[in-house]
Amino acid sequence: MRETPDHVTIVMATRNGAAHLRAQLDSIAAQSHRNWSLFVSDDGSADATRQILADFARHHPLRLVEGPGRGAAANFLSALCHPELPPGPVALADQDDVWLKGKLARGLRRMAVGGRRRGDGPVLYAAESMLADGGLKLLSRSKSGRVRPGFAPSLAQNLFAGHSTMLNPEALELVRRAGVPPGVVWHDWWLYQLLAGAGAALILDPAPSVIWRQHGANTLGGARGAAAGLKRLAMVLSGEWGRTMQAHARALQQNAPLLEAEARAVLEGFLSAPGRGMGRVRLFRDLGIRRSSPAGDLTMLAAAALGRL
């Protein structure tokens, strides 16, 4: 694989993705930025996924490795930490989306500008998406909401969707130093939390770069509306979201030396907060733990008062 200065490695995690994989690979092959290679970690696919990848590899640079078999988050993070991953910037790719032609080129430009502004430090980039149904009929655009990206808000909600995420080399090095914490449930949320805590430049691009396919196999997806809202509400009130927040917070605590002092203080405040009641609500507010909508804030604070978060 080439490792020239403008080379970018596309990291993809696959598992039984044959239904939509060809369209995603075709969109990668059509990128205006031509200097890329594909690094795929496959988690034991039993369908035609590996054959599709083999066909693609006959004409394009592709490295296939075995995934750890512990779910999508571990699959992506183990790929990012793989000893054979080339150095340089990386772009994450889901197996079922379609990239717009200028995705890599625009992301690399925006990361370069962000890195210069922060003294060539770590940069995390993601872009908005066009939501589509399983047949790629466009439905709507994603919306990042009103919250400015930062470490405290990252404890409550992910703003950096993995299917559009890119990291510069300095950000990748931080991720590799953190490894693959066993409690991480969502790899993209973890990347946002870790890099925000480490003081990375956080870039949310309002220009869409991906057609984000919504289908039955999506774990959460970007769907909106009453049904999607009720599903998320159920996750919060059942305590599932709170358990994920706590698991990620403990993983961050294990990597505290990578975090800035301010982030460590926020993290310790969150972990030492009262288990329920108005004391927990006040602490969330004081620390700046927020979600991206007023309704989301209200739900979060109510759940915190009830001891669900």
Protein backbone atom coordinates (compact mmCIF):
# COMPACT_ATOMS: atom_id res chain seq x y z
CA MET A 1 0.00 0.00 0.00
CA ARG A 2 1.22 3.49 -0.85
CA GLU A 3 2.24 5.78 1.98
CA THR A 4 2.84 9.09 0.16
CA PRO A 5 1.88 12.30 2.01
CA ASP A 6 -1.61 12.53 0.52
CA HIS A 7 -2.39 8.84 0.92
CA VAL A 8 -5.46 8.03 3.02
CA THR A 9 -6.37 4.60 4.35
CA ILE A 10 -10.06 3.75 4.31
CA VAL A 11 -10.89 1.50 7.26
CA MET A 12 -13.98 -0.66 6.82
CA ALA A 13 -15.45 -3.21 9.22
CA THR A 14 -17.63 -5.86 7.58
CA ARG A 15 -19.93 -8.65 8.64
CA ASN A 16 -22.44 -10.27 6.28
CA GLY A 17 -22.69 -7.07 4.25
CA ALA A 18 -23.10 -8.52 0.77
CA ALA A 19 -26.53 -6.96 0.18
CA HIS A 20 -25.18 -3.40 -0.10
CA LEU A 21 -21.39 -3.75 -0.21
CA ARG A 22 -20.88 -3.45 -3.97
CA ALA A 23 -22.53 -0.02 -4.10
CA GLN A 24 -20.30 1.24 -1.30
CA LEU A 25 -17.15 -0.11 -2.94
CA ASP A 26 -18.14 1.44 -6.28
CA SER A 27 -18.53 4.83 -4.59
CA ILE A 28 -15.08 4.48 -3.02
CA ALA A 29 -13.56 3.60 -6.39
CA ALA A 30 -15.16 6.74 -7.87
CA GLN A 31 -13.58 9.17 -5.38
CA SER A 32 -12.02 12.29 -6.87
CA HIS A 33 -9.09 11.81 -4.49
CA ARG A 34 -7.36 8.82 -6.05
CA ASN A 35 -4.55 8.08 -3.60
CA TRP A 36 -6.26 5.71 -1.18
CA SER A 37 -6.17 2.10 -0.08
CA LEU A 38 -8.81 0.01 1.66
CA PHE A 39 -8.15 -1.82 4.92
CA VAL A 40 -11.00 -4.22 5.74
CA SER A 41 -11.55 -6.14 8.96
CA ASP A 42 -14.14 -8.87 8.41
CA ASP A 43 -15.91 -10.39 11.41
CA GLY A 44 -16.58 -13.88 10.09
CA SER A 45 -18.96 -13.13 7.23
CA ALA A 46 -20.96 -16.15 6.09
CA ASP A 47 -22.45 -14.55 2.96
CA ALA A 48 -20.75 -13.28 -0.23
CA THR A 49 -18.95 -10.40 1.51
CA ARG A 50 -15.46 -11.88 1.16
CA GLN A 51 -15.97 -12.80 -2.48
CA ILE A 52 -17.12 -9.26 -3.25
CA LEU A 53 -14.01 -7.92 -1.52
CA ALA A 54 -11.80 -10.35 -3.44
CA ASP A 55 -13.33 -9.20 -6.73
CA PHE A 56 -12.70 -5.56 -5.78
CA ALA A 57 -9.12 -6.33 -4.76
CA ARG A 58 -8.29 -7.47 -8.28
CA HIS A 59 -8.46 -3.86 -9.45
CA HIS A 60 -7.94 -1.77 -6.32
CA PRO A 61 -5.55 -1.74 -3.31
CA LEU A 62 -7.20 -3.73 -0.52
CA ARG A 63 -5.92 -5.49 2.59
CA LEU A 64 -8.25 -7.94 4.34
CA VAL A 65 -7.69 -9.00 7.96
CA GLU A 66 -9.66 -11.12 10.40
CA GLY A 67 -11.87 -9.26 12.86
CA PRO A 68 -11.97 -10.11 16.58
CA GLY A 69 -15.56 -11.41 16.50
CA ARG A 70 -16.75 -9.16 19.33
CA GLY A 71 -19.13 -6.80 17.52
CA ALA A 72 -18.84 -3.76 15.28
CA ALA A 73 -17.15 -1.44 17.79
CA ALA A 74 -14.34 -3.89 18.55
CA ASN A 75 -14.03 -4.67 14.85
CA PHE A 76 -13.46 -1.02 13.91
CA LEU A 77 -11.18 -0.24 16.85
CA SER A 78 -9.07 -3.36 16.35
CA ALA A 79 -8.64 -2.37 12.70
CA LEU A 80 -7.52 1.13 13.70
CA CYS A 81 -5.02 -0.46 16.12
CA HIS A 82 -3.87 -3.20 13.74
CA PRO A 83 -0.07 -3.36 13.43
CA GLU A 84 -0.30 -3.57 9.63
CA LEU A 85 -2.44 -0.45 9.23
CA PRO A 86 -0.44 2.07 7.15
CA PRO A 87 0.48 5.39 8.79
CA GLY A 88 -1.26 8.59 7.78
CA PRO A 89 -4.84 9.86 7.80
CA VAL A 90 -7.74 7.42 7.90
CA ALA A 91 -11.39 7.51 6.87
CA LEU A 92 -13.94 5.13 8.35
CA ALA A 93 -16.43 3.43 6.04
CA ASP A 94 -19.55 1.45 6.81
CA GLN A 95 -20.38 -1.48 4.54
CA ASP A 96 -23.83 -0.31 3.45
CA ASP A 97 -23.62 3.40 2.54
CA VAL A 98 -22.68 5.31 -0.62
CA TRP A 99 -20.02 8.03 -0.61
CA LEU A 100 -20.36 11.24 -2.59
CA LYS A 101 -17.53 11.68 -5.09
CA GLY A 102 -15.68 14.45 -3.25
CA LYS A 103 -15.88 12.97 0.25
CA LEU A 104 -12.20 12.15 0.75
CA ALA A 105 -10.90 15.29 -0.94
CA ARG A 106 -13.09 17.63 1.10
CA GLY A 107 -12.37 15.83 4.36
CA LEU A 108 -8.61 15.96 3.82
CA ARG A 109 -8.78 19.70 3.04
CA ARG A 110 -10.85 20.46 6.12
CA MET A 111 -8.57 18.39 8.37
CA ALA A 112 -5.48 20.16 7.02
CA VAL A 113 -6.96 23.56 7.84
CA GLY A 114 -8.12 22.41 11.28
CA GLY A 115 -4.71 20.94 12.07
CA ARG A 116 -2.89 24.16 11.17
CA ARG A 117 -5.22 26.17 13.40
CA ARG A 118 -4.45 23.89 16.36
CA GLY A 119 -0.70 23.70 15.81
CA ASP A 120 -0.72 20.47 13.80
CA GLY A 121 -2.34 18.52 16.62
CA PRO A 122 -5.00 15.80 16.45
CA VAL A 123 -8.07 16.44 14.29
CA LEU A 124 -11.40 14.58 14.22
CA TYR A 125 -13.67 15.28 11.25
CA ALA A 126 -17.18 14.19 10.31
CA ALA A 127 -19.77 15.48 7.86
CA GLU A 128 -23.53 15.61 7.61
CA SER A 129 -25.28 12.91 5.57
CA MET A 130 -28.15 12.42 3.18
CA LEU A 131 -30.50 9.83 4.66
CA ALA A 132 -31.96 7.30 2.22
CA ASP A 133 -34.08 4.18 2.38
CA GLY A 134 -32.80 0.71 1.54
CA GLY A 135 -33.18 1.41 -2.18
CA LEU A 136 -31.27 4.73 -1.88
CA LYS A 137 -34.35 6.93 -2.27
CA LEU A 138 -33.37 10.15 -0.51
CA LEU A 139 -35.43 10.90 2.60
CA SER A 140 -33.86 13.85 4.44
CA ARG A 141 -30.61 15.31 5.76
CA SER A 142 -28.97 14.58 9.07
CA LYS A 143 -28.84 17.40 11.60
CA SER A 144 -26.10 17.82 14.19
CA GLY A 145 -28.23 20.02 16.47
CA ARG A 146 -27.48 23.05 18.62
CA VAL A 147 -24.67 21.75 20.85
CA ARG A 148 -21.10 22.80 20.17
CA PRO A 149 -18.85 19.70 20.11
CA GLY A 150 -16.80 19.25 23.25
CA PHE A 151 -15.89 16.77 25.93
CA ALA A 152 -18.73 17.41 28.41
CA PRO A 153 -21.48 17.09 25.75
CA SER A 154 -19.74 13.96 24.43
CA LEU A 155 -20.53 12.15 27.67
CA ALA A 156 -24.25 12.27 26.81
CA GLN A 157 -24.43 12.03 23.03
CA ASN A 158 -22.38 11.26 19.94
CA LEU A 159 -22.18 14.00 17.30
CA PHE A 160 -19.61 12.33 15.00
CA ALA A 161 -21.24 9.63 12.90
CA GLY A 162 -18.72 6.91 12.12
CA HIS A 163 -19.72 6.51 8.48
CA SER A 164 -18.31 9.98 7.70
CA THR A 165 -15.50 10.15 10.27
CA MET A 166 -11.89 10.92 9.35
CA LEU A 167 -8.82 11.23 11.59
CA ASN A 168 -5.49 12.87 10.91
CA PRO A 169 -2.29 10.96 11.82
CA GLU A 170 -2.01 12.58 15.26
CA ALA A 171 -5.59 11.60 16.12
CA LEU A 172 -4.98 8.06 14.91
CA GLU A 173 -1.93 7.78 17.15
CA LEU A 174 -4.02 8.74 20.19
CA VAL A 175 -6.63 6.13 19.29
CA ARG A 176 -3.95 3.49 18.96
CA ARG A 177 -2.51 4.41 22.36
CA ALA A 178 -5.95 3.89 23.92
CA GLY A 179 -6.33 0.48 22.27
CA VAL A 180 -9.62 -1.43 22.30
CA PRO A 181 -11.27 -0.89 25.71
CA PRO A 182 -13.61 -3.80 26.47
CA GLY A 183 -16.54 -1.64 27.60
CA VAL A 184 -16.90 0.46 24.45
CA VAL A 185 -20.27 -0.09 22.77
CA TRP A 186 -20.12 2.49 19.95
CA HIS A 187 -16.77 3.02 18.23
CA ASP A 188 -17.66 6.42 16.74
CA TRP A 189 -18.95 7.79 20.03
CA TRP A 190 -15.76 6.55 21.70
CA LEU A 191 -13.56 8.29 19.11
CA TYR A 192 -15.42 11.56 19.70
CA GLN A 193 -15.13 11.25 23.49
CA LEU A 194 -11.47 10.26 23.54
CA LEU A 195 -10.32 12.88 21.05
CA ALA A 196 -12.47 15.65 22.51
CA GLY A 197 -10.97 14.87 25.91
CA ALA A 198 -7.47 14.92 24.44
CA GLY A 199 -7.98 18.42 23.03
CA ALA A 200 -8.33 17.53 19.36
CA ALA A 201 -9.75 19.94 16.83
CA LEU A 202 -13.36 18.84 16.28
CA ILE A 203 -14.77 19.57 12.82
CA LEU A 204 -18.42 18.98 11.92
CA ASP A 205 -18.84 19.73 8.22
CA PRO A 206 -22.37 20.92 7.28
CA ALA A 207 -21.89 19.72 3.69
CA PRO A 208 -23.14 16.12 3.27
CA SER A 209 -20.55 13.58 2.15
CA VAL A 210 -22.40 10.26 2.47
CA ILE A 211 -25.72 8.76 1.47
CA TRP A 212 -26.61 7.02 4.72
CA ARG A 213 -28.71 3.98 3.98
CA GLN A 214 -31.47 3.28 6.53
CA HIS A 215 -32.56 -0.34 6.57
CA GLY A 216 -33.66 -3.11 8.90
CA ALA A 217 -30.13 -4.24 9.74
CA ASN A 218 -29.09 -0.81 11.05
CA THR A 219 -28.52 -0.98 14.79
CA LEU A 220 -29.74 2.57 15.45
CA GLY A 221 -29.64 4.56 12.25
CA GLY A 222 -30.44 8.22 11.78
CA ALA A 223 -34.19 7.96 11.44
CA ARG A 224 -36.36 10.68 12.94
CA GLY A 225 -40.03 10.95 13.72
CA ALA A 226 -42.31 9.58 16.41
CA ALA A 227 -41.27 5.92 16.13
CA ALA A 228 -37.55 6.72 16.18
CA GLY A 229 -38.05 9.11 19.09
CA LEU A 230 -39.94 6.51 21.09
CA LYS A 231 -37.19 3.95 20.45
CA ARG A 232 -34.54 6.32 21.79
CA LEU A 233 -36.75 7.27 24.73
CA ALA A 234 -37.15 3.59 25.60
CA MET A 235 -33.36 3.14 25.56
CA VAL A 236 -32.97 6.04 27.99
CA LEU A 237 -35.77 5.10 30.38
CA SER A 238 -34.81 1.42 30.45
CA GLY A 239 -31.34 2.36 31.63
CA GLU A 240 -29.65 0.97 28.50
CA TRP A 241 -28.31 4.38 27.47
CA GLY A 242 -27.12 5.07 30.99
CA ARG A 243 -25.24 1.78 31.14
CA THR A 244 -23.52 2.69 27.87
CA MET A 245 -22.62 6.14 29.19
CA GLN A 246 -21.13 4.60 32.32
CA ALA A 247 -19.20 1.96 30.37
CA HIS A 248 -17.68 4.59 28.10
CA ALA A 249 -16.87 6.82 31.07
CA ARG A 250 -15.00 3.97 32.75
CA ALA A 251 -13.07 3.34 29.52
CA LEU A 252 -12.15 7.03 29.47
CA GLN A 253 -11.04 6.79 33.10
CA GLN A 254 -8.72 3.93 32.15
CA ASN A 255 -7.18 6.26 29.55
CA ALA A 256 -7.09 9.34 31.78
CA PRO A 257 -3.39 10.07 31.01
CA LEU A 258 -4.42 10.82 27.40
CA LEU A 259 -6.98 13.43 28.49
CA GLU A 260 -6.46 17.10 29.25
CA ALA A 261 -6.80 18.24 32.87
CA GLU A 262 -10.17 19.94 32.29
CA ALA A 263 -11.60 16.80 30.69
CA ARG A 264 -10.32 14.65 33.57
CA ALA A 265 -12.08 16.95 36.03
CA VAL A 266 -15.37 16.74 34.13
CA LEU A 267 -15.06 12.96 33.91
CA GLU A 268 -14.40 12.55 37.62
CA GLY A 269 -17.34 14.82 38.39
CA PHE A 270 -19.60 12.69 36.24
CA LEU A 271 -18.41 9.42 37.76
CA SER A 272 -18.73 10.70 41.33
CA ALA A 273 -22.18 12.28 40.90
CA PRO A 274 -25.09 11.25 43.13
CA GLY A 275 -26.90 8.23 41.71
CA ARG A 276 -30.24 10.00 41.34
CA GLY A 277 -32.24 13.07 42.35
CA MET A 278 -31.83 16.80 41.82
CA GLY A 279 -28.21 16.66 42.92
CA ARG A 280 -27.41 14.59 39.86
CA VAL A 281 -29.43 16.93 37.65
CA ARG A 282 -27.60 20.00 38.97
CA LEU A 283 -24.23 18.36 38.47
CA PHE A 284 -25.07 17.49 34.84
CA ARG A 285 -25.93 21.15 34.26
CA ASP A 286 -22.85 22.45 36.06
CA LEU A 287 -20.53 20.16 34.11
CA GLY A 288 -22.08 21.14 30.76
CA ILE A 289 -23.41 17.66 29.95
CA ARG A 290 -26.03 18.39 27.29
CA ARG A 291 -27.84 16.86 24.34
CA SER A 292 -28.47 18.43 20.95
CA SER A 293 -32.13 19.41 21.42
CA PRO A 294 -34.29 20.85 24.22
CA ALA A 295 -36.40 17.68 24.21
CA GLY A 296 -33.26 15.57 24.46
CA ASP A 297 -32.02 17.68 27.37
CA LEU A 298 -35.33 17.33 29.18
CA THR A 299 -35.39 13.56 28.71
CA MET A 300 -31.78 13.23 29.84
CA LEU A 301 -32.29 15.30 33.00
CA ALA A 302 -35.50 13.46 33.89
CA ALA A 303 -33.70 10.13 33.44
CA ALA A 304 -30.79 11.40 35.54
CA ALA A 305 -33.19 12.37 38.33
CA LEU A 306 -34.69 8.88 38.22
CA GLY A 307 -31.26 7.24 38.31
CA ARG A 308 -31.47 5.94 34.74
CA LEU A 309 -28.39 7.82 33.52
